[in-house]
PDB file of all heavy atoms in Angstrom:
ATOM      1  N   VAL A   1       7.212  -8.959  15.435  1.00  0.00           N
ATOM      2  CA  VAL A   1       6.741 -10.221  14.862  1.00  0.00           C
ATOM      3  C   VAL A   1       5.692  -9.935  13.796  1.00  0.00           C
ATOM      4  O   VAL A   1       4.692  -9.270  14.055  1.00  0.00           O
ATOM      5  CB  VAL A   1       6.155 -11.138  15.947  1.00  0.00           C
ATOM      6  CG1 VAL A   1       5.593 -12.411  15.324  1.00  0.00           C
ATOM      7  CG2 VAL A   1       7.211 -11.474  16.989  1.00  0.00           C
ATOM      8  N   ALA A   2       5.967 -10.429  12.577  1.00  0.00           N
ATOM      9  CA  ALA A   2       5.075 -10.215  11.432  1.00  0.00           C
ATOM     10  C   ALA A   2       4.838  -8.731  11.174  1.00  0.00           C
ATOM     11  O   ALA A   2       3.749  -8.314  10.776  1.00  0.00           O
ATOM     12  CB  ALA A   2       3.758 -10.957  11.609  1.00  0.00           C
ATOM     13  N   ARG A   3       5.882  -7.934  11.382  1.00  0.00           N
ATOM     14  CA  ARG A   3       5.823  -6.493  11.100  1.00  0.00           C
ATOM     15  C   ARG A   3       7.150  -6.033  10.538  1.00  0.00           C
ATOM     16  O   ARG A   3       8.211  -6.519  10.936  1.00  0.00           O
ATOM     17  CB  ARG A   3       5.514  -5.689  12.373  1.00  0.00           C
ATOM     18  CG  ARG A   3       4.177  -6.013  12.983  1.00  0.00           C
ATOM     19  CD  ARG A   3       3.794  -5.042  14.089  1.00  0.00           C
ATOM     20  NE  ARG A   3       2.499  -5.423  14.623  1.00  0.00           N
ATOM     21  CZ  ARG A   3       1.336  -5.120  14.047  1.00  0.00           C
ATOM     22  NH1 ARG A   3       1.317  -4.394  12.946  1.00  0.00           N
ATOM     23  NH2 ARG A   3       0.192  -5.533  14.569  1.00  0.00           N
ATOM     24  N   THR A   4       7.060  -5.084   9.624  1.00  0.00           N
ATOM     25  CA  THR A   4       8.273  -4.461   9.092  1.00  0.00           C
ATOM     26  C   THR A   4       7.924  -3.077   8.572  1.00  0.00           C
ATOM     27  O   THR A   4       6.804  -2.828   8.111  1.00  0.00           O
ATOM     28  CB  THR A   4       8.902  -5.294   7.965  1.00  0.00           C
ATOM     29  OG1 THR A   4      10.104  -4.659   7.515  1.00  0.00           O
ATOM     30  CG2 THR A   4       7.964  -5.446   6.768  1.00  0.00           C
ATOM     31  N   THR A   5       8.897  -2.172   8.648  1.00  0.00           N
ATOM     32  CA  THR A   5       8.716  -0.839   8.083  1.00  0.00           C
ATOM     33  C   THR A   5       9.081  -0.805   6.605  1.00  0.00           C
ATOM     34  O   THR A   5       8.922   0.229   5.960  1.00  0.00           O
ATOM     35  CB  THR A   5       9.572   0.188   8.835  1.00  0.00           C
ATOM     36  OG1 THR A   5      10.947  -0.220   8.783  1.00  0.00           O
ATOM     37  CG2 THR A   5       9.129   0.309  10.284  1.00  0.00           C
ATOM     38  N   ASP A   6       9.543  -1.925   6.071  1.00  0.00           N
ATOM     39  CA  ASP A   6       9.917  -2.014   4.657  1.00  0.00           C
ATOM     40  C   ASP A   6       8.654  -2.146   3.808  1.00  0.00           C
ATOM     41  O   ASP A   6       7.998  -3.186   3.803  1.00  0.00           O
ATOM     42  CB  ASP A   6      10.822  -3.226   4.441  1.00  0.00           C
ATOM     43  CG  ASP A   6      11.424  -3.273   3.042  1.00  0.00           C
ATOM     44  OD1 ASP A   6      10.846  -2.675   2.114  1.00  0.00           O
ATOM     45  OD2 ASP A   6      12.470  -3.939   2.877  1.00  0.00           O
ATOM     46  N   THR A   7       8.313  -1.096   3.078  1.00  0.00           N
ATOM     47  CA  THR A   7       7.052  -1.084   2.326  1.00  0.00           C
ATOM     48  C   THR A   7       7.081  -1.973   1.087  1.00  0.00           C
ATOM     49  O   THR A   7       6.064  -2.106   0.407  1.00  0.00           O
ATOM     50  CB  THR A   7       6.684   0.352   1.914  1.00  0.00           C
ATOM     51  OG1 THR A   7       7.756   0.920   1.158  1.00  0.00           O
ATOM     52  CG2 THR A   7       6.409   1.217   3.132  1.00  0.00           C
ATOM     53  N   SER A   8       8.208  -2.597   0.805  1.00  0.00           N
ATOM     54  CA  SER A   8       8.254  -3.590  -0.268  1.00  0.00           C
ATOM     55  C   SER A   8       7.738  -4.945   0.209  1.00  0.00           C
ATOM     56  O   SER A   8       7.475  -5.830  -0.620  1.00  0.00           O
ATOM     57  CB  SER A   8       9.686  -3.755  -0.795  1.00  0.00           C
ATOM     58  OG  SER A   8      10.135  -2.573  -1.419  1.00  0.00           O
ATOM     59  N   TYR A   9       7.577  -5.092   1.553  1.00  0.00           N
ATOM     60  CA  TYR A   9       7.183  -6.392   2.094  1.00  0.00           C
ATOM     61  C   TYR A   9       6.022  -6.316   3.079  1.00  0.00           C
ATOM     62  O   TYR A   9       5.518  -7.354   3.485  1.00  0.00           O
ATOM     63  CB  TYR A   9       8.383  -7.046   2.786  1.00  0.00           C
ATOM     64  CG  TYR A   9       9.492  -7.376   1.820  1.00  0.00           C
ATOM     65  CD1 TYR A   9      10.623  -6.564   1.731  1.00  0.00           C
ATOM     66  CD2 TYR A   9       9.398  -8.474   0.986  1.00  0.00           C
ATOM     67  CE1 TYR A   9      11.633  -6.852   0.830  1.00  0.00           C
ATOM     68  CE2 TYR A   9      10.408  -8.770   0.080  1.00  0.00           C
ATOM     69  CZ  TYR A   9      11.520  -7.954   0.012  1.00  0.00           C
ATOM     70  OH  TYR A   9      12.513  -8.240  -0.895  1.00  0.00           O
ATOM     71  N   ASN A  10       5.591  -5.130   3.465  1.00  0.00           N
ATOM     72  CA  ASN A  10       4.473  -5.053   4.393  1.00  0.00           C
ATOM     73  C   ASN A  10       3.157  -4.831   3.649  1.00  0.00           C
ATOM     74  O   ASN A  10       3.095  -4.929   2.417  1.00  0.00           O
ATOM     75  CB  ASN A  10       4.724  -3.993   5.485  1.00  0.00           C
ATOM     76  CG  ASN A  10       4.850  -2.588   4.932  1.00  0.00           C
ATOM     77  OD1 ASN A  10       4.361  -2.268   3.856  1.00  0.00           O
ATOM     78  ND2 ASN A  10       5.525  -1.719   5.693  1.00  0.00           N
ATOM     79  N   ILE A  11       2.103  -4.516   4.367  1.00  0.00           N
ATOM     80  CA  ILE A  11       0.766  -4.409   3.772  1.00  0.00           C
ATOM     81  C   ILE A  11       0.677  -3.264   2.771  1.00  0.00           C
ATOM     82  O   ILE A  11      -0.219  -3.245   1.902  1.00  0.00           O
ATOM     83  CB  ILE A  11      -0.295  -4.246   4.899  1.00  0.00           C
ATOM     84  CG1 ILE A  11      -1.706  -4.509   4.364  1.00  0.00           C
ATOM     85  CG2 ILE A  11      -0.188  -2.890   5.565  1.00  0.00           C
ATOM     86  CD1 ILE A  11      -1.953  -5.922   3.922  1.00  0.00           C
ATOM     87  N   VAL A  12       1.609  -2.315   2.820  1.00  0.00           N
ATOM     88  CA  VAL A  12       1.628  -1.235   1.833  1.00  0.00           C
ATOM     89  C   VAL A  12       1.813  -1.793   0.427  1.00  0.00           C
ATOM     90  O   VAL A  12       1.231  -1.291  -0.541  1.00  0.00           O
ATOM     91  CB  VAL A  12       2.732  -0.216   2.176  1.00  0.00           C
ATOM     92  CG1 VAL A  12       2.886   0.818   1.061  1.00  0.00           C
ATOM     93  CG2 VAL A  12       2.431   0.477   3.501  1.00  0.00           C
ATOM     94  N   LYS A  13       2.601  -2.848   0.292  1.00  0.00           N
ATOM     95  CA  LYS A  13       2.797  -3.492  -1.007  1.00  0.00           C
ATOM     96  C   LYS A  13       1.473  -4.041  -1.547  1.00  0.00           C
ATOM     97  O   LYS A  13       1.202  -3.968  -2.755  1.00  0.00           O
ATOM     98  CB  LYS A  13       3.814  -4.627  -0.864  1.00  0.00           C
ATOM     99  CG  LYS A  13       4.132  -5.364  -2.157  1.00  0.00           C
ATOM    100  CD  LYS A  13       4.913  -4.509  -3.120  1.00  0.00           C
ATOM    101  CE  LYS A  13       5.381  -5.307  -4.332  1.00  0.00           C
ATOM    102  NZ  LYS A  13       6.137  -4.485  -5.290  1.00  0.00           N
ATOM    103  N   VAL A  14       0.653  -4.569  -0.663  1.00  0.00           N
ATOM    104  CA  VAL A  14      -0.672  -5.054  -1.064  1.00  0.00           C
ATOM    105  C   VAL A  14      -1.542  -3.888  -1.529  1.00  0.00           C
ATOM    106  O   VAL A  14      -2.269  -3.993  -2.519  1.00  0.00           O
ATOM    107  CB  VAL A  14      -1.335  -5.804   0.107  1.00  0.00           C
ATOM    108  CG1 VAL A  14      -2.763  -6.203  -0.227  1.00  0.00           C
ATOM    109  CG2 VAL A  14      -0.510  -7.042   0.467  1.00  0.00           C
ATOM    110  N   GLY A  15      -1.448  -2.767  -0.819  1.00  0.00           N
ATOM    111  CA  GLY A  15      -2.172  -1.571  -1.248  1.00  0.00           C
ATOM    112  C   GLY A  15      -1.736  -1.095  -2.609  1.00  0.00           C
ATOM    113  O   GLY A  15      -2.563  -0.622  -3.411  1.00  0.00           O
ATOM    114  N   ASP A  16      -0.434  -1.191  -2.898  1.00  0.00           N
ATOM    115  CA  ASP A  16       0.072  -0.831  -4.231  1.00  0.00           C
ATOM    116  C   ASP A  16      -0.634  -1.641  -5.313  1.00  0.00           C
ATOM    117  O   ASP A  16      -1.004  -1.115  -6.375  1.00  0.00           O
ATOM    118  CB  ASP A  16       1.578  -1.088  -4.321  1.00  0.00           C
ATOM    119  CG  ASP A  16       2.415  -0.029  -3.627  1.00  0.00           C
ATOM    120  OD1 ASP A  16       1.916   1.097  -3.452  1.00  0.00           O
ATOM    121  OD2 ASP A  16       3.567  -0.336  -3.270  1.00  0.00           O
ATOM    122  N   GLU A  17      -0.810  -2.932  -5.045  1.00  0.00           N
ATOM    123  CA  GLU A  17      -1.415  -3.820  -6.039  1.00  0.00           C
ATOM    124  C   GLU A  17      -2.887  -3.481  -6.250  1.00  0.00           C
ATOM    125  O   GLU A  17      -3.372  -3.473  -7.393  1.00  0.00           O
ATOM    126  CB  GLU A  17      -1.261  -5.278  -5.599  1.00  0.00           C
ATOM    127  CG  GLU A  17      -1.560  -6.281  -6.682  1.00  0.00           C
ATOM    128  CD  GLU A  17      -0.520  -6.312  -7.789  1.00  0.00           C
ATOM    129  OE1 GLU A  17       0.442  -5.505  -7.765  1.00  0.00           O
ATOM    130  OE2 GLU A  17      -0.668  -7.143  -8.702  1.00  0.00           O
ATOM    131  N   ILE A  18      -3.601  -3.190  -5.182  1.00  0.00           N
ATOM    132  CA  ILE A  18      -5.006  -2.799  -5.310  1.00  0.00           C
ATOM    133  C   ILE A  18      -5.128  -1.494  -6.085  1.00  0.00           C
ATOM    134  O   ILE A  18      -5.970  -1.357  -6.984  1.00  0.00           O
ATOM    135  CB  ILE A  18      -5.656  -2.683  -3.919  1.00  0.00           C
ATOM    136  CG1 ILE A  18      -5.690  -4.057  -3.243  1.00  0.00           C
ATOM    137  CG2 ILE A  18      -7.064  -2.105  -4.015  1.00  0.00           C
ATOM    138  CD1 ILE A  18      -6.136  -4.017  -1.794  1.00  0.00           C
ATOM    139  N   ALA A  19      -4.266  -0.528  -5.757  1.00  0.00           N
ATOM    140  CA  ALA A  19      -4.288   0.755  -6.465  1.00  0.00           C
ATOM    141  C   ALA A  19      -3.993   0.565  -7.945  1.00  0.00           C
ATOM    142  O   ALA A  19      -4.629   1.195  -8.810  1.00  0.00           O
ATOM    143  CB  ALA A  19      -3.278   1.711  -5.830  1.00  0.00           C
ATOM    144  N   ARG A  20      -3.034  -0.299  -8.263  1.00  0.00           N
ATOM    145  CA  ARG A  20      -2.673  -0.528  -9.667  1.00  0.00           C
ATOM    146  C   ARG A  20      -3.853  -1.084 -10.459  1.00  0.00           C
ATOM    147  O   ARG A  20      -4.149  -0.611 -11.572  1.00  0.00           O
ATOM    148  CB  ARG A  20      -1.497  -1.500  -9.745  1.00  0.00           C
ATOM    149  CG  ARG A  20      -1.014  -1.792 -11.164  1.00  0.00           C
ATOM    150  CD  ARG A  20       0.135  -2.783 -11.170  1.00  0.00           C
ATOM    151  NE  ARG A  20      -0.290  -4.120 -10.788  1.00  0.00           N
ATOM    152  CZ  ARG A  20      -0.859  -4.999 -11.630  1.00  0.00           C
ATOM    153  NH1 ARG A  20      -1.080  -4.657 -12.887  1.00  0.00           N
ATOM    154  NH2 ARG A  20      -1.182  -6.210 -11.209  1.00  0.00           N
ATOM    155  N   ILE A  21      -4.559  -2.062  -9.889  1.00  0.00           N
ATOM    156  CA  ILE A  21      -5.701  -2.654 -10.579  1.00  0.00           C
ATOM    157  C   ILE A  21      -6.821  -1.626 -10.732  1.00  0.00           C
ATOM    158  O   ILE A  21      -7.437  -1.512 -11.804  1.00  0.00           O
ATOM    159  CB  ILE A  21      -6.210  -3.898  -9.822  1.00  0.00           C
ATOM    160  CG1 ILE A  21      -5.126  -4.974  -9.762  1.00  0.00           C
ATOM    161  CG2 ILE A  21      -7.482  -4.440 -10.478  1.00  0.00           C
ATOM    162  CD1 ILE A  21      -4.704  -5.519 -11.097  1.00  0.00           C
ATOM    163  N   PHE A  22      -7.111  -0.884  -9.688  1.00  0.00           N
ATOM    164  CA  PHE A  22      -8.149   0.146  -9.776  1.00  0.00           C
ATOM    165  C   PHE A  22      -7.840   1.146 -10.895  1.00  0.00           C
ATOM    166  O   PHE A  22      -8.726   1.524 -11.668  1.00  0.00           O
ATOM    167  CB  PHE A  22      -8.255   0.890  -8.446  1.00  0.00           C
ATOM    168  CG  PHE A  22      -9.102   0.206  -7.399  1.00  0.00           C
ATOM    169  CD1 PHE A  22      -9.208   0.761  -6.131  1.00  0.00           C
ATOM    170  CD2 PHE A  22      -9.779  -0.967  -7.665  1.00  0.00           C
ATOM    171  CE1 PHE A  22      -9.992   0.149  -5.152  1.00  0.00           C
ATOM    172  CE2 PHE A  22     -10.556  -1.590  -6.696  1.00  0.00           C
ATOM    173  CZ  PHE A  22     -10.663  -1.028  -5.437  1.00  0.00           C
ATOM    174  N   GLU A  23      -6.604   1.576 -10.965  1.00  0.00           N
ATOM    175  CA  GLU A  23      -6.224   2.549 -11.987  1.00  0.00           C
ATOM    176  C   GLU A  23      -6.345   1.956 -13.387  1.00  0.00           C
ATOM    177  O   GLU A  23      -6.781   2.637 -14.330  1.00  0.00           O
ATOM    178  CB  GLU A  23      -4.805   3.054 -11.726  1.00  0.00           C
ATOM    179  CG  GLU A  23      -4.726   3.964 -10.498  1.00  0.00           C
ATOM    180  CD  GLU A  23      -3.302   4.256 -10.069  1.00  0.00           C
ATOM    181  OE1 GLU A  23      -2.368   3.588 -10.598  1.00  0.00           O
ATOM    182  OE2 GLU A  23      -3.105   5.131  -9.206  1.00  0.00           O
ATOM    183  N   GLU A  24      -5.972   0.687 -13.535  1.00  0.00           N
ATOM    184  CA  GLU A  24      -6.126   0.020 -14.826  1.00  0.00           C
ATOM    185  C   GLU A  24      -7.590  -0.020 -15.253  1.00  0.00           C
ATOM    186  O   GLU A  24      -7.908   0.047 -16.447  1.00  0.00           O
ATOM    187  CB  GLU A  24      -5.587  -1.407 -14.762  1.00  0.00           C
ATOM    188  CG  GLU A  24      -4.073  -1.524 -14.774  1.00  0.00           C
ATOM    189  CD  GLU A  24      -3.622  -2.967 -14.771  1.00  0.00           C
ATOM    190  OE1 GLU A  24      -4.500  -3.872 -14.721  1.00  0.00           O
ATOM    191  OE2 GLU A  24      -2.398  -3.207 -14.808  1.00  0.00           O
ATOM    192  N   MET A  25      -8.484  -0.108 -14.275  1.00  0.00           N
ATOM    193  CA  MET A  25      -9.916  -0.188 -14.569  1.00  0.00           C
ATOM    194  C   MET A  25     -10.548   1.183 -14.787  1.00  0.00           C
ATOM    195  O   MET A  25     -11.720   1.277 -15.149  1.00  0.00           O
ATOM    196  CB  MET A  25     -10.635  -0.921 -13.430  1.00  0.00           C
ATOM    197  CG  MET A  25     -10.194  -2.367 -13.261  1.00  0.00           C
ATOM    198  SD  MET A  25     -11.032  -3.223 -11.884  1.00  0.00           S
ATOM    199  CE  MET A  25     -12.667  -3.460 -12.585  1.00  0.00           C
ATOM    200  N   GLY A  26      -9.788   2.251 -14.532  1.00  0.00           N
ATOM    201  CA  GLY A  26     -10.293   3.589 -14.809  1.00  0.00           C
ATOM    202  C   GLY A  26     -10.698   4.399 -13.595  1.00  0.00           C
ATOM    203  O   GLY A  26     -11.224   5.504 -13.736  1.00  0.00           O
ATOM    204  N   LEU A  27     -10.430   3.889 -12.405  1.00  0.00           N
ATOM    205  CA  LEU A  27     -10.709   4.658 -11.196  1.00  0.00           C
ATOM    206  C   LEU A  27      -9.543   5.593 -10.887  1.00  0.00           C
ATOM    207  O   LEU A  27      -8.390   5.277 -11.177  1.00  0.00           O
ATOM    208  CB  LEU A  27     -10.935   3.719 -10.006  1.00  0.00           C
ATOM    209  CG  LEU A  27     -12.222   2.889 -10.041  1.00  0.00           C
ATOM    210  CD1 LEU A  27     -12.153   1.753  -9.026  1.00  0.00           C
ATOM    211  CD2 LEU A  27     -13.445   3.761  -9.775  1.00  0.00           C
ATOM    212  N   ASN A  28      -9.836   6.724 -10.287  1.00  0.00           N
ATOM    213  CA  ASN A  28      -8.826   7.703  -9.894  1.00  0.00           C
ATOM    214  C   ASN A  28      -8.505   7.460  -8.418  1.00  0.00           C
ATOM    215  O   ASN A  28      -9.364   7.648  -7.553  1.00  0.00           O
ATOM    216  CB  ASN A  28      -9.341   9.128 -10.112  1.00  0.00           C
ATOM    217  CG  ASN A  28      -8.234  10.160 -10.026  1.00  0.00           C
ATOM    218  OD1 ASN A  28      -7.245   9.977  -9.335  1.00  0.00           O
ATOM    219  ND2 ASN A  28      -8.404  11.271 -10.741  1.00  0.00           N
ATOM    220  N   VAL A  29      -7.279   7.038  -8.148  1.00  0.00           N
ATOM    221  CA  VAL A  29      -6.916   6.517  -6.833  1.00  0.00           C
ATOM    222  C   VAL A  29      -5.710   7.249  -6.253  1.00  0.00           C
ATOM    223  O   VAL A  29      -4.764   7.578  -6.978  1.00  0.00           O
ATOM    224  CB  VAL A  29      -6.585   5.007  -6.918  1.00  0.00           C
ATOM    225  CG1 VAL A  29      -6.233   4.447  -5.544  1.00  0.00           C
ATOM    226  CG2 VAL A  29      -7.741   4.242  -7.527  1.00  0.00           C
ATOM    227  N   LEU A  30      -5.747   7.481  -4.938  1.00  0.00           N
ATOM    228  CA  LEU A  30      -4.579   7.915  -4.188  1.00  0.00           C
ATOM    229  C   LEU A  30      -4.198   6.802  -3.223  1.00  0.00           C
ATOM    230  O   LEU A  30      -5.082   6.148  -2.642  1.00  0.00           O
ATOM    231  CB  LEU A  30      -4.874   9.183  -3.389  1.00  0.00           C
ATOM    232  CG  LEU A  30      -5.051  10.488  -4.169  1.00  0.00           C
ATOM    233  CD1 LEU A  30      -5.436  11.618  -3.214  1.00  0.00           C
ATOM    234  CD2 LEU A  30      -3.793  10.849  -4.927  1.00  0.00           C
ATOM    235  N   HIS A  31      -2.895   6.578  -3.045  1.00  0.00           N
ATOM    236  CA  HIS A  31      -2.436   5.565  -2.099  1.00  0.00           C
ATOM    237  C   HIS A  31      -1.546   6.232  -1.062  1.00  0.00           C
ATOM    238  O   HIS A  31      -0.434   6.668  -1.363  1.00  0.00           O
ATOM    239  CB  HIS A  31      -1.668   4.446  -2.821  1.00  0.00           C
ATOM    240  CG  HIS A  31      -1.256   3.341  -1.899  1.00  0.00           C
ATOM    241  ND1 HIS A  31      -0.280   2.415  -2.231  1.00  0.00           N
ATOM    242  CD2 HIS A  31      -1.676   2.998  -0.649  1.00  0.00           C
ATOM    243  CE1 HIS A  31      -0.126   1.559  -1.236  1.00  0.00           C
ATOM    244  NE2 HIS A  31      -0.960   1.900  -0.266  1.00  0.00           N
ATOM    245  N   ASP A  32      -2.047   6.314   0.153  1.00  0.00           N
ATOM    246  CA  ASP A  32      -1.304   6.886   1.277  1.00  0.00           C
ATOM    247  C   ASP A  32      -0.447   5.786   1.894  1.00  0.00           C
ATOM    248  O   ASP A  32      -0.970   4.802   2.429  1.00  0.00           O
ATOM    249  CB  ASP A  32      -2.298   7.452   2.289  1.00  0.00           C
ATOM    250  CG  ASP A  32      -1.628   8.020   3.524  1.00  0.00           C
ATOM    251  OD1 ASP A  32      -0.383   8.116   3.543  1.00  0.00           O
ATOM    252  OD2 ASP A  32      -2.353   8.366   4.482  1.00  0.00           O
ATOM    253  N   GLN A  33       0.868   5.929   1.844  1.00  0.00           N
ATOM    254  CA  GLN A  33       1.791   4.909   2.339  1.00  0.00           C
ATOM    255  C   GLN A  33       2.358   5.239   3.726  1.00  0.00           C
ATOM    256  O   GLN A  33       3.322   4.619   4.170  1.00  0.00           O
ATOM    257  CB  GLN A  33       2.932   4.720   1.332  1.00  0.00           C
ATOM    258  CG  GLN A  33       2.455   4.287  -0.041  1.00  0.00           C
ATOM    259  CD  GLN A  33       3.606   3.966  -0.983  1.00  0.00           C
ATOM    260  OE1 GLN A  33       4.754   3.857  -0.564  1.00  0.00           O
ATOM    261  NE2 GLN A  33       3.294   3.817  -2.252  1.00  0.00           N
ATOM    262  N   THR A  34       1.741   6.173   4.421  1.00  0.00           N
ATOM    263  CA  THR A  34       2.216   6.569   5.743  1.00  0.00           C
ATOM    264  C   THR A  34       2.152   5.395   6.724  1.00  0.00           C
ATOM    265  O   THR A  34       1.178   4.641   6.745  1.00  0.00           O
ATOM    266  CB  THR A  34       1.357   7.722   6.292  1.00  0.00           C
ATOM    267  OG1 THR A  34       1.367   8.803   5.343  1.00  0.00           O
ATOM    268  CG2 THR A  34       1.893   8.209   7.635  1.00  0.00           C
ATOM    269  N   LEU A  35       3.194   5.255   7.538  1.00  0.00           N
ATOM    270  CA  LEU A  35       3.229   4.213   8.566  1.00  0.00           C
ATOM    271  C   LEU A  35       2.576   4.751   9.842  1.00  0.00           C
ATOM    272  O   LEU A  35       3.247   5.165  10.789  1.00  0.00           O
ATOM    273  CB  LEU A  35       4.673   3.785   8.843  1.00  0.00           C
ATOM    274  CG  LEU A  35       5.488   3.295   7.645  1.00  0.00           C
ATOM    275  CD1 LEU A  35       6.883   2.864   8.098  1.00  0.00           C
ATOM    276  CD2 LEU A  35       4.785   2.149   6.918  1.00  0.00           C
ATOM    277  N   TYR A  36       1.264   4.725   9.880  1.00  0.00           N
ATOM    278  CA  TYR A  36       0.534   5.321  10.997  1.00  0.00           C
ATOM    279  C   TYR A  36       0.727   4.569  12.309  1.00  0.00           C
ATOM    280  O   TYR A  36       0.469   5.120  13.383  1.00  0.00           O
ATOM    281  CB  TYR A  36      -0.959   5.401  10.666  1.00  0.00           C
ATOM    282  CG  TYR A  36      -1.295   6.432   9.623  1.00  0.00           C
ATOM    283  CD1 TYR A  36      -1.787   6.064   8.377  1.00  0.00           C
ATOM    284  CD2 TYR A  36      -1.122   7.794   9.875  1.00  0.00           C
ATOM    285  CE1 TYR A  36      -2.108   7.009   7.411  1.00  0.00           C
ATOM    286  CE2 TYR A  36      -1.432   8.754   8.919  1.00  0.00           C
ATOM    287  CZ  TYR A  36      -1.925   8.353   7.691  1.00  0.00           C
ATOM    288  OH  TYR A  36      -2.222   9.299   6.740  1.00  0.00           O
ATOM    289  N   ASP A  37       1.147   3.314  12.244  1.00  0.00           N
ATOM    290  CA  ASP A  37       1.313   2.520  13.465  1.00  0.00           C
ATOM    291  C   ASP A  37       2.751   2.455  13.949  1.00  0.00           C
ATOM    292  O   ASP A  37       3.079   1.664  14.845  1.00  0.00           O
ATOM    293  CB  ASP A  37       0.790   1.102  13.247  1.00  0.00           C
ATOM    294  CG  ASP A  37       1.534   0.359  12.153  1.00  0.00           C
ATOM    295  OD1 ASP A  37       2.150   1.025  11.281  1.00  0.00           O
ATOM    296  OD2 ASP A  37       1.504  -0.887  12.138  1.00  0.00           O
ATOM    297  N   TYR A  38       3.610   3.292  13.391  1.00  0.00           N
ATOM    298  CA  TYR A  38       5.020   3.252  13.784  1.00  0.00           C
ATOM    299  C   TYR A  38       5.495   4.664  14.104  1.00  0.00           C
ATOM    300  O   TYR A  38       5.277   5.581  13.312  1.00  0.00           O
ATOM    301  CB  TYR A  38       5.874   2.657  12.648  1.00  0.00           C
ATOM    302  CG  TYR A  38       7.312   2.429  13.043  1.00  0.00           C
ATOM    303  CD1 TYR A  38       7.689   1.271  13.713  1.00  0.00           C
ATOM    304  CD2 TYR A  38       8.288   3.376  12.749  1.00  0.00           C
ATOM    305  CE1 TYR A  38       9.008   1.070  14.085  1.00  0.00           C
ATOM    306  CE2 TYR A  38       9.604   3.178  13.127  1.00  0.00           C
ATOM    307  CZ  TYR A  38       9.960   2.027  13.783  1.00  0.00           C
ATOM    308  OH  TYR A  38      11.263   1.817  14.161  1.00  0.00           O
ATOM    309  N   PRO A  39       6.099   4.870  15.262  1.00  0.00           N
ATOM    310  CA  PRO A  39       6.533   3.858  16.243  1.00  0.00           C
ATOM    311  C   PRO A  39       5.471   3.468  17.265  1.00  0.00           C
ATOM    312  O   PRO A  39       5.693   2.564  18.057  1.00  0.00           O
ATOM    313  CB  PRO A  39       7.702   4.554  16.930  1.00  0.00           C
ATOM    314  CG  PRO A  39       7.333   6.000  16.907  1.00  0.00           C
ATOM    315  CD  PRO A  39       6.626   6.212  15.595  1.00  0.00           C
TER     316      PRO A  39
END
């Protein structure tokens, strides 16, 4: 319920957006997309 391993629709997608904005602003960012809570 309210969970998916599809990173196009879970909280990883939100992380992608934060990373994109940070990089546009000049910060050097890494985004770890590992599913630490699965299984």
